[in-house]
Amino acid sequence: MQSIQQTGFEIMFQSRAFSHLTQFSRAQDGAVTVDWIVLTAALAMMGLGAAFYVTSSVPQVAENMQTYMENVEVGG
């Protein structure tokens, strides 16, 4: 005679909630949205990186330009 008791895993696999969860995990709906969000976030991070690079380089370039302009003789 077989045991009537079921384990927790057997009950979970037979439940409707688990069935819905399985269907949700296999669905492709919204995949394009997720891809778009990831690409947009990557582009935003690249933009922030470029902005940081430019803003950190500007003071040194301005100082070099000032030094050059102070040493240029005008009107010969």
Protein backbone atom coordinates (compact mmCIF):
# COMPACT_ATOMS: atom_id res chain seq x y z
CA MET A 1 0.00 0.00 0.00
CA GLN A 2 1.36 3.40 -1.01
CA SER A 3 1.78 6.21 1.43
CA ILE A 4 -0.89 8.90 1.24
CA GLN A 5 1.39 11.57 2.67
CA GLN A 6 2.91 13.99 0.19
CA THR A 7 6.06 15.95 0.68
CA GLY A 8 6.10 19.73 0.57
CA PHE A 9 7.78 19.70 -2.85
CA GLU A 10 5.09 17.46 -4.35
CA ILE A 11 2.36 19.73 -3.03
CA MET A 12 4.19 22.81 -4.33
CA PHE A 13 4.63 21.36 -7.84
CA GLN A 14 0.93 20.52 -8.02
CA SER A 15 -0.28 23.94 -6.89
CA ARG A 16 -1.84 26.54 -9.20
CA ALA A 17 0.57 29.21 -7.97
CA PHE A 18 3.55 27.15 -9.08
CA SER A 19 1.87 26.59 -12.44
CA HIS A 20 1.40 30.34 -12.90
CA LEU A 21 4.98 31.00 -11.82
CA THR A 22 6.27 28.49 -14.37
CA GLN A 23 4.20 30.07 -17.15
CA PHE A 24 5.43 33.54 -16.17
CA SER A 25 9.09 32.46 -16.22
CA ARG A 26 8.72 30.98 -19.71
CA ALA A 27 6.82 33.94 -21.19
CA GLN A 28 8.65 36.26 -23.57
CA ASP A 29 6.33 39.21 -22.97
CA GLY A 30 8.28 42.25 -21.89
CA ALA A 31 11.67 40.94 -23.02
CA VAL A 32 12.07 43.87 -25.42
CA THR A 33 11.32 46.29 -22.60
CA VAL A 34 13.97 44.72 -20.41
CA ASP A 35 16.50 44.85 -23.26
CA TRP A 36 15.66 48.52 -23.87
CA ILE A 37 16.10 49.40 -20.20
CA VAL A 38 19.47 47.62 -20.01
CA LEU A 39 20.73 49.34 -23.18
CA THR A 40 19.50 52.73 -22.01
CA ALA A 41 21.18 52.29 -18.64
CA ALA A 42 24.44 51.29 -20.35
CA LEU A 43 24.32 54.38 -22.57
CA ALA A 44 23.58 56.59 -19.57
CA MET A 45 26.59 55.16 -17.72
CA MET A 46 28.80 55.75 -20.77
CA GLY A 47 27.54 59.35 -20.94
CA LEU A 48 28.27 59.90 -17.26
CA GLY A 49 31.75 58.44 -17.73
CA ALA A 50 32.43 60.75 -20.66
CA ALA A 51 31.12 63.76 -18.72
CA PHE A 52 33.35 62.90 -15.75
CA TYR A 53 36.38 62.54 -18.03
CA VAL A 54 35.73 65.91 -19.70
CA THR A 55 35.03 67.80 -16.48
CA SER A 56 38.13 66.40 -14.80
CA SER A 57 40.33 67.34 -17.80
CA VAL A 58 39.06 70.90 -18.37
CA PRO A 59 40.95 72.61 -15.49
CA GLN A 60 44.31 71.24 -16.67
CA VAL A 61 43.66 72.28 -20.27
CA ALA A 62 42.58 75.76 -19.13
CA GLU A 63 45.73 76.12 -17.04
CA ASN A 64 47.91 75.08 -19.98
CA MET A 65 46.12 77.57 -22.23
CA GLN A 66 46.58 80.36 -19.67
CA THR A 67 50.31 79.64 -19.40
CA TYR A 68 50.66 79.64 -23.19
CA MET A 69 48.74 82.90 -23.61
CA GLU A 70 50.76 84.64 -20.90
CA ASN A 71 53.98 83.79 -22.75
CA VAL A 72 52.86 84.89 -26.23
CA GLU A 73 54.20 88.26 -27.43
CA VAL A 74 51.64 90.37 -29.25
CA GLY A 75 52.55 92.98 -31.89
CA GLY A 76 56.15 92.12 -32.35
